[in-house]
Amino acid sequence: MIWRSRHGGNRTRHHSPLEPETWAWASGLRLSSYSPAVSSPPAGRVLAPDFFDRDTLEVAEDLLGKVLVREVDGETRWGRLVEVEAYRGPEDRAAHSWRGLTPRTRVMYGPPGHAYVYFIYGMHHCLNFVTRPEGFPEAVLVRALEPGPGVGRCSGPGLLCRALDVDRSLNGVLLAPPDLYVVDDGFRPGAGVVVRTPRIGVEYAGEWAALPWRFCLDGPHLSRRRRS
């Protein structure tokens, strides 16, 4: 499937894939070097459910550099995935599914390639992608994006949901056009670019908190930068 951007009314416009050099960090440069050259998302293949029907750690790392696209109210908003976390419940004490099936976690037990959106602290939404076959409640949390032109700050789960207008109305939806989907435009992180650290804010999870299941492309758009 090739991505198409809607620009009001019934008009459609086709976009050619960006050349690798269009993205300053495609050649392994730091993300801070990146300067957007276009206002529309890169063209590419929309990720199908089978992409997510794999080991959650593999899915998390492979998501880095992919493009998250949100179409809403005649607008197309997008950003490059630069930070994600893997949650491998029900054994993973940091995962929502650690406590088993509940009304909130039901989506996690469903088929892969769907959005799991929840509300926390009475103020923030968080977006996850369901992984593994149906019945295996695992997911990848989207923590940060490098925003496309005109998109607000996406350096954190709540910020990116606000910038892309993601809320619980998208909970359980298939990751597919026209609402919310992920595009592979051919970009691949260079060797040694991916950083792995423990997940953020899960100190309560005991030994599970120390596992390096946070995957990042280091740069200025992360929710939390590495200490020098």
C-alpha atoms as a PDB file:
ATOM      1  CA  MET A   1       0.000   0.000   0.000  1.00  0.00           C
ATOM      2  CA  ILE A   2       1.395   3.402  -0.911  1.00  0.00           C
ATOM      3  CA  TRP A   3       0.745   6.356   1.351  1.00  0.00           C
ATOM      4  CA  ARG A   4      -1.381   9.183  -0.033  1.00  0.00           C
ATOM      5  CA  SER A   5      -1.905  12.534   1.604  1.00  0.00           C
ATOM      6  CA  ARG A   6      -5.272  14.264   1.624  1.00  0.00           C
ATOM      7  CA  HIS A   7      -5.255  18.038   1.151  1.00  0.00           C
ATOM      8  CA  GLY A   8      -8.885  19.042   1.525  1.00  0.00           C
ATOM      9  CA  GLY A   9     -11.986  18.080  -0.428  1.00  0.00           C
ATOM     10  CA  ASN A  10     -11.634  15.122  -2.705  1.00  0.00           C
ATOM     11  CA  ARG A  11      -8.209  16.086  -4.000  1.00  0.00           C
ATOM     12  CA  THR A  12      -5.341  13.664  -3.567  1.00  0.00           C
ATOM     13  CA  ARG A  13      -1.692  14.174  -4.234  1.00  0.00           C
ATOM     14  CA  HIS A  14       0.946  11.506  -4.734  1.00  0.00           C
ATOM     15  CA  HIS A  15       4.330  11.969  -3.113  1.00  0.00           C
ATOM     16  CA  SER A  16       7.546  10.319  -4.194  1.00  0.00           C
ATOM     17  CA  PRO A  17       9.688   8.677  -1.520  1.00  0.00           C
ATOM     18  CA  LEU A  18      12.263  10.987  -0.005  1.00  0.00           C
ATOM     19  CA  GLU A  19      15.794  10.306  -1.117  1.00  0.00           C
ATOM     20  CA  PRO A  20      17.945   9.074   1.798  1.00  0.00           C
ATOM     21  CA  GLU A  21      20.007  12.257   1.800  1.00  0.00           C
ATOM     22  CA  THR A  22      16.860  14.336   2.377  1.00  0.00           C
ATOM     23  CA  TRP A  23      17.076  13.288   6.011  1.00  0.00           C
ATOM     24  CA  ALA A  24      20.271  14.506   7.639  1.00  0.00           C
ATOM     25  CA  TRP A  25      20.241  11.596  10.037  1.00  0.00           C
ATOM     26  CA  ALA A  26      19.735   8.942   7.345  1.00  0.00           C
ATOM     27  CA  SER A  27      23.494   8.844   6.887  1.00  0.00           C
ATOM     28  CA  GLY A  28      24.104   8.339  10.598  1.00  0.00           C
ATOM     29  CA  LEU A  29      24.343  12.007  11.585  1.00  0.00           C
ATOM     30  CA  ARG A  30      22.813  13.195  14.854  1.00  0.00           C
ATOM     31  CA  LEU A  31      19.127  14.024  14.789  1.00  0.00           C
ATOM     32  CA  SER A  32      19.935  17.615  15.693  1.00  0.00           C
ATOM     33  CA  SER A  33      21.339  17.957  12.164  1.00  0.00           C
ATOM     34  CA  TYR A  34      18.004  17.172  10.590  1.00  0.00           C
ATOM     35  CA  SER A  35      16.206  19.931   8.721  1.00  0.00           C
ATOM     36  CA  PRO A  36      12.817  19.119   7.123  1.00  0.00           C
ATOM     37  CA  ALA A  37      12.674  19.767   3.406  1.00  0.00           C
ATOM     38  CA  VAL A  38       8.997  19.070   2.747  1.00  0.00           C
ATOM     39  CA  SER A  39       5.697  19.566   4.553  1.00  0.00           C
ATOM     40  CA  SER A  40       4.155  16.209   3.625  1.00  0.00           C
ATOM     41  CA  PRO A  41       5.090  12.782   5.005  1.00  0.00           C
ATOM     42  CA  PRO A  42       7.428  10.558   3.043  1.00  0.00           C
ATOM     43  CA  ALA A  43       5.741   8.039   0.782  1.00  0.00           C
ATOM     44  CA  GLY A  44       6.165   4.389   1.552  1.00  0.00           C
ATOM     45  CA  ARG A  45       4.562   1.128   2.551  1.00  0.00           C
ATOM     46  CA  VAL A  46       1.964   1.157   5.319  1.00  0.00           C
ATOM     47  CA  LEU A  47       2.932  -1.427   7.926  1.00  0.00           C
ATOM     48  CA  ALA A  48       0.492  -4.338   7.948  1.00  0.00           C
ATOM     49  CA  PRO A  49      -0.542  -6.301  11.062  1.00  0.00           C
ATOM     50  CA  ASP A  50       2.030  -9.017  10.324  1.00  0.00           C
ATOM     51  CA  PHE A  51       4.812  -6.492  11.037  1.00  0.00           C
ATOM     52  CA  PHE A  52       3.556  -6.342  14.629  1.00  0.00           C
ATOM     53  CA  ASP A  53       2.937 -10.099  14.901  1.00  0.00           C
ATOM     54  CA  ARG A  54       6.488 -10.796  16.089  1.00  0.00           C
ATOM     55  CA  ASP A  55       8.663 -10.691  19.177  1.00  0.00           C
ATOM     56  CA  THR A  56       7.929  -7.381  20.887  1.00  0.00           C
ATOM     57  CA  LEU A  57      11.587  -6.438  21.313  1.00  0.00           C
ATOM     58  CA  GLU A  58      12.185  -6.924  17.590  1.00  0.00           C
ATOM     59  CA  VAL A  59       9.126  -4.868  16.722  1.00  0.00           C
ATOM     60  CA  ALA A  60      10.201  -2.062  19.055  1.00  0.00           C
ATOM     61  CA  GLU A  61      13.666  -1.747  17.548  1.00  0.00           C
ATOM     62  CA  ASP A  62      12.372  -2.067  13.983  1.00  0.00           C
ATOM     63  CA  LEU A  63       9.887   0.765  14.581  1.00  0.00           C
ATOM     64  CA  LEU A  64      12.684   3.301  15.027  1.00  0.00           C
ATOM     65  CA  GLY A  65      12.839   5.575  12.013  1.00  0.00           C
ATOM     66  CA  LYS A  66       9.379   4.651  10.774  1.00  0.00           C
ATOM     67  CA  VAL A  67       6.824   7.427  10.210  1.00  0.00           C
ATOM     68  CA  LEU A  68       3.696   7.709  12.350  1.00  0.00           C
ATOM     69  CA  VAL A  69       0.872   9.383  10.420  1.00  0.00           C
ATOM     70  CA  ARG A  70      -2.368  10.821  11.807  1.00  0.00           C
ATOM     71  CA  GLU A  71      -5.121  12.106   9.529  1.00  0.00           C
ATOM     72  CA  VAL A  72      -7.745  14.223  11.285  1.00  0.00           C
ATOM     73  CA  ASP A  73     -10.107  17.038  10.280  1.00  0.00           C
ATOM     74  CA  GLY A  74      -8.668  17.221   6.770  1.00  0.00           C
ATOM     75  CA  GLU A  75      -5.106  17.565   8.054  1.00  0.00           C
ATOM     76  CA  THR A  76      -2.201  15.137   7.956  1.00  0.00           C
ATOM     77  CA  ARG A  77       0.181  15.229  10.916  1.00  0.00           C
ATOM     78  CA  TRP A  78       3.245  13.046  11.165  1.00  0.00           C
ATOM     79  CA  GLY A  79       6.528  12.407  12.885  1.00  0.00           C
ATOM     80  CA  ARG A  80       9.514  10.069  12.790  1.00  0.00           C
ATOM     81  CA  LEU A  81       9.601   7.459  15.580  1.00  0.00           C
ATOM     82  CA  VAL A  82      12.703   8.065  17.706  1.00  0.00           C
ATOM     83  CA  GLU A  83      11.833   6.517  21.082  1.00  0.00           C
ATOM     84  CA  VAL A  84       9.755   3.475  22.021  1.00  0.00           C
ATOM     85  CA  GLU A  85       9.489   0.990  24.886  1.00  0.00           C
ATOM     86  CA  ALA A  86       8.623  -2.712  24.820  1.00  0.00           C
ATOM     87  CA  TYR A  87       6.194  -4.247  27.330  1.00  0.00           C
ATOM     88  CA  ARG A  88       6.073  -8.026  27.479  1.00  0.00           C
ATOM     89  CA  GLY A  89       3.304  -8.918  29.943  1.00  0.00           C
ATOM     90  CA  PRO A  90       1.860 -10.778  31.683  1.00  0.00           C
ATOM     91  CA  GLU A  91       5.224 -11.779  33.197  1.00  0.00           C
ATOM     92  CA  ASP A  92       6.555  -8.225  32.773  1.00  0.00           C
ATOM     93  CA  ARG A  93       5.674  -6.453  36.021  1.00  0.00           C
ATOM     94  CA  ALA A  94       5.911  -3.079  34.260  1.00  0.00           C
ATOM     95  CA  ALA A  95       3.207  -4.021  31.733  1.00  0.00           C
ATOM     96  CA  HIS A  96      -0.460  -3.208  32.252  1.00  0.00           C
ATOM     97  CA  SER A  97      -1.244  -6.829  31.395  1.00  0.00           C
ATOM     98  CA  TRP A  98       0.816  -8.080  34.340  1.00  0.00           C
ATOM     99  CA  ARG A  99      -2.380  -8.125  36.405  1.00  0.00           C
ATOM    100  CA  GLY A 100      -4.239 -10.032  33.724  1.00  0.00           C
ATOM    101  CA  LEU A 101      -7.227  -9.258  31.557  1.00  0.00           C
ATOM    102  CA  THR A 102      -9.159  -6.131  32.576  1.00  0.00           C
ATOM    103  CA  PRO A 103     -11.497  -3.804  30.681  1.00  0.00           C
ATOM    104  CA  ARG A 104      -8.542  -1.472  30.087  1.00  0.00           C
ATOM    105  CA  THR A 105      -6.125  -4.148  28.864  1.00  0.00           C
ATOM    106  CA  ARG A 106      -8.596  -6.043  26.689  1.00  0.00           C
ATOM    107  CA  VAL A 107      -7.147  -4.442  23.548  1.00  0.00           C
ATOM    108  CA  MET A 108      -3.694  -5.795  24.444  1.00  0.00           C
ATOM    109  CA  TYR A 109      -5.106  -9.323  24.301  1.00  0.00           C
ATOM    110  CA  GLY A 110      -6.499  -8.719  20.834  1.00  0.00           C
ATOM    111  CA  PRO A 111      -4.888  -9.079  17.413  1.00  0.00           C
ATOM    112  CA  PRO A 112      -1.605  -7.329  16.564  1.00  0.00           C
ATOM    113  CA  GLY A 113      -1.377  -4.070  14.666  1.00  0.00           C
ATOM    114  CA  HIS A 114      -4.004  -2.226  16.685  1.00  0.00           C
ATOM    115  CA  ALA A 115      -3.718   0.926  18.800  1.00  0.00           C
ATOM    116  CA  TYR A 116      -3.874   0.676  22.574  1.00  0.00           C
ATOM    117  CA  VAL A 117      -4.591   4.148  23.977  1.00  0.00           C
ATOM    118  CA  TYR A 118      -5.034   4.892  27.662  1.00  0.00           C
ATOM    119  CA  PHE A 119      -5.393   7.986  29.845  1.00  0.00           C
ATOM    120  CA  ILE A 120      -3.097   8.637  32.823  1.00  0.00           C
ATOM    121  CA  TYR A 121      -2.803  11.164  35.641  1.00  0.00           C
ATOM    122  CA  GLY A 122      -6.105  12.659  34.537  1.00  0.00           C
ATOM    123  CA  MET A 123      -4.314  14.652  31.840  1.00  0.00           C
ATOM    124  CA  HIS A 124      -2.279  12.601  29.332  1.00  0.00           C
ATOM    125  CA  HIS A 125      -3.022  10.012  26.666  1.00  0.00           C
ATOM    126  CA  CYS A 126      -0.463   7.349  25.771  1.00  0.00           C
ATOM    127  CA  LEU A 127      -0.272   5.488  22.457  1.00  0.00           C
ATOM    128  CA  ASN A 128       0.837   1.871  22.151  1.00  0.00           C
ATOM    129  CA  PHE A 129       0.970  -0.630  19.298  1.00  0.00           C
ATOM    130  CA  VAL A 130      -0.289  -4.136  20.113  1.00  0.00           C
ATOM    131  CA  THR A 131       2.183  -6.895  19.220  1.00  0.00           C
ATOM    132  CA  ARG A 132       2.303 -10.711  19.136  1.00  0.00           C
ATOM    133  CA  PRO A 133      -0.602 -13.019  18.196  1.00  0.00           C
ATOM    134  CA  GLU A 134      -4.034 -12.609  19.733  1.00  0.00           C
ATOM    135  CA  GLY A 135      -4.046 -13.754  23.339  1.00  0.00           C
ATOM    136  CA  PHE A 136      -0.470 -12.596  24.036  1.00  0.00           C
ATOM    137  CA  PRO A 137      -0.927  -9.196  25.760  1.00  0.00           C
ATOM    138  CA  GLU A 138       2.189  -7.317  24.706  1.00  0.00           C
ATOM    139  CA  ALA A 139       2.688  -3.851  23.242  1.00  0.00           C
ATOM    140  CA  VAL A 140       5.137  -1.114  22.298  1.00  0.00           C
ATOM    141  CA  LEU A 141       4.707   2.318  23.887  1.00  0.00           C
ATOM    142  CA  VAL A 142       5.444   5.280  21.616  1.00  0.00           C
ATOM    143  CA  ARG A 143       7.470   7.713  23.730  1.00  0.00           C
ATOM    144  CA  ALA A 144       8.748  10.321  21.262  1.00  0.00           C
ATOM    145  CA  LEU A 145       8.703  11.460  17.654  1.00  0.00           C
ATOM    146  CA  GLU A 146      10.790  13.843  15.638  1.00  0.00           C
ATOM    147  CA  PRO A 147       7.837  15.993  14.519  1.00  0.00           C
ATOM    148  CA  GLY A 148       7.152  16.829  10.921  1.00  0.00           C
ATOM    149  CA  PRO A 149       6.796  20.493   9.886  1.00  0.00           C
ATOM    150  CA  GLY A 150       3.951  22.260  11.656  1.00  0.00           C
ATOM    151  CA  VAL A 151       3.590  19.558  14.322  1.00  0.00           C
ATOM    152  CA  GLY A 152       4.067  20.522  17.962  1.00  0.00           C
ATOM    153  CA  ARG A 153       6.550  19.019  20.409  1.00  0.00           C
ATOM    154  CA  CYS A 154       6.478  15.235  20.562  1.00  0.00           C
ATOM    155  CA  SER A 155       9.145  14.651  23.234  1.00  0.00           C
ATOM    156  CA  GLY A 156       7.039  12.450  25.473  1.00  0.00           C
ATOM    157  CA  PRO A 157       3.986  10.164  25.293  1.00  0.00           C
ATOM    158  CA  GLY A 158       1.511  12.844  26.347  1.00  0.00           C
ATOM    159  CA  LEU A 159       3.019  15.552  24.165  1.00  0.00           C
ATOM    160  CA  LEU A 160       2.963  13.450  21.012  1.00  0.00           C
ATOM    161  CA  CYS A 161      -0.631  12.379  21.603  1.00  0.00           C
ATOM    162  CA  ARG A 162      -1.623  16.015  22.027  1.00  0.00           C
ATOM    163  CA  ALA A 163       0.305  17.081  18.921  1.00  0.00           C
ATOM    164  CA  LEU A 164      -1.242  14.341  16.775  1.00  0.00           C
ATOM    165  CA  ASP A 165      -4.707  14.542  18.373  1.00  0.00           C
ATOM    166  CA  VAL A 166      -4.611  10.965  19.646  1.00  0.00           C
ATOM    167  CA  ASP A 167      -7.133  10.085  22.341  1.00  0.00           C
ATOM    168  CA  ARG A 168      -9.207   7.132  23.523  1.00  0.00           C
ATOM    169  CA  SER A 169     -11.471   7.358  20.500  1.00  0.00           C
ATOM    170  CA  LEU A 170      -8.600   5.552  18.725  1.00  0.00           C
ATOM    171  CA  ASN A 171      -8.299   2.796  21.322  1.00  0.00           C
ATOM    172  CA  GLY A 172      -8.573  -0.548  19.563  1.00  0.00           C
ATOM    173  CA  VAL A 173      -8.505   0.775  15.995  1.00  0.00           C
ATOM    174  CA  LEU A 174      -6.513  -1.016  13.310  1.00  0.00           C
ATOM    175  CA  LEU A 175      -3.322   0.848  12.416  1.00  0.00           C
ATOM    176  CA  ALA A 176      -4.334   1.630   8.850  1.00  0.00           C
ATOM    177  CA  PRO A 177      -5.426   4.603   6.738  1.00  0.00           C
ATOM    178  CA  PRO A 178      -7.183   6.907   6.974  1.00  0.00           C
ATOM    179  CA  ASP A 179      -6.959   7.541  10.724  1.00  0.00           C
ATOM    180  CA  LEU A 180      -3.686   6.357  12.257  1.00  0.00           C
ATOM    181  CA  TYR A 181      -0.924   4.290  10.668  1.00  0.00           C
ATOM    182  CA  VAL A 182       2.811   3.701  10.379  1.00  0.00           C
ATOM    183  CA  VAL A 183       4.765   4.068   7.139  1.00  0.00           C
ATOM    184  CA  ASP A 184       8.055   2.449   6.177  1.00  0.00           C
ATOM    185  CA  ASP A 185       9.724   4.815   3.709  1.00  0.00           C
ATOM    186  CA  GLY A 186      12.939   2.812   3.527  1.00  0.00           C
ATOM    187  CA  PHE A 187      14.918   4.705   6.161  1.00  0.00           C
ATOM    188  CA  ARG A 188      17.141   2.518   8.339  1.00  0.00           C
ATOM    189  CA  PRO A 189      19.220   3.746  11.308  1.00  0.00           C
ATOM    190  CA  GLY A 190      22.948   3.549  10.755  1.00  0.00           C
ATOM    191  CA  ALA A 191      25.136   1.087  12.612  1.00  0.00           C
ATOM    192  CA  GLY A 192      25.543   2.016  16.261  1.00  0.00           C
ATOM    193  CA  VAL A 193      22.826   4.673  16.171  1.00  0.00           C
ATOM    194  CA  VAL A 194      20.205   2.786  18.202  1.00  0.00           C
ATOM    195  CA  VAL A 195      20.520   3.299  21.966  1.00  0.00           C
ATOM    196  CA  ARG A 196      19.015   0.893  24.519  1.00  0.00           C
ATOM    197  CA  THR A 197      18.306   1.868  28.129  1.00  0.00           C
ATOM    198  CA  PRO A 198      15.990   0.791  30.950  1.00  0.00           C
ATOM    199  CA  ARG A 199      12.419   1.970  30.580  1.00  0.00           C
ATOM    200  CA  ILE A 200      11.349   5.236  32.180  1.00  0.00           C
ATOM    201  CA  GLY A 201       9.132   5.513  35.251  1.00  0.00           C
ATOM    202  CA  VAL A 202       8.782   1.802  36.041  1.00  0.00           C
ATOM    203  CA  GLU A 203      10.898   1.614  39.197  1.00  0.00           C
ATOM    204  CA  TYR A 204       8.017  -0.224  40.916  1.00  0.00           C
ATOM    205  CA  ALA A 205       8.575  -3.238  38.631  1.00  0.00           C
ATOM    206  CA  GLY A 206      11.542  -4.627  40.559  1.00  0.00           C
ATOM    207  CA  GLU A 207      14.099  -6.477  38.433  1.00  0.00           C
ATOM    208  CA  TRP A 208      11.981  -5.814  35.337  1.00  0.00           C
ATOM    209  CA  ALA A 209      12.740  -2.100  35.674  1.00  0.00           C
ATOM    210  CA  ALA A 210      16.414  -2.670  34.871  1.00  0.00           C
ATOM    211  CA  LEU A 211      15.861  -4.414  31.537  1.00  0.00           C
ATOM    212  CA  PRO A 212      17.075  -2.363  28.522  1.00  0.00           C
ATOM    213  CA  TRP A 213      13.737  -2.330  26.740  1.00  0.00           C
ATOM    214  CA  ARG A 214      13.700   1.350  25.802  1.00  0.00           C
ATOM    215  CA  PHE A 215      14.932   1.906  22.233  1.00  0.00           C
ATOM    216  CA  CYS A 216      16.004   5.345  20.966  1.00  0.00           C
ATOM    217  CA  LEU A 217      17.638   7.239  18.156  1.00  0.00           C
ATOM    218  CA  ASP A 218      19.683   9.703  20.188  1.00  0.00           C
ATOM    219  CA  GLY A 219      18.884  13.346  19.527  1.00  0.00           C
ATOM    220  CA  PRO A 220      17.055  16.430  20.801  1.00  0.00           C
ATOM    221  CA  HIS A 221      13.532  15.007  20.514  1.00  0.00           C
ATOM    222  CA  LEU A 222      13.732  12.258  23.130  1.00  0.00           C
ATOM    223  CA  SER A 223      11.597  12.395  26.256  1.00  0.00           C
ATOM    224  CA  ARG A 224      14.778  12.034  28.278  1.00  0.00           C
ATOM    225  CA  ARG A 225      18.320  12.510  26.994  1.00  0.00           C
ATOM    226  CA  ARG A 226      21.295  10.402  27.974  1.00  0.00           C
ATOM    227  CA  ARG A 227      23.591  11.873  30.593  1.00  0.00           C
ATOM    228  CA  SER A 228      26.995  12.764  29.187  1.00  0.00           C
END
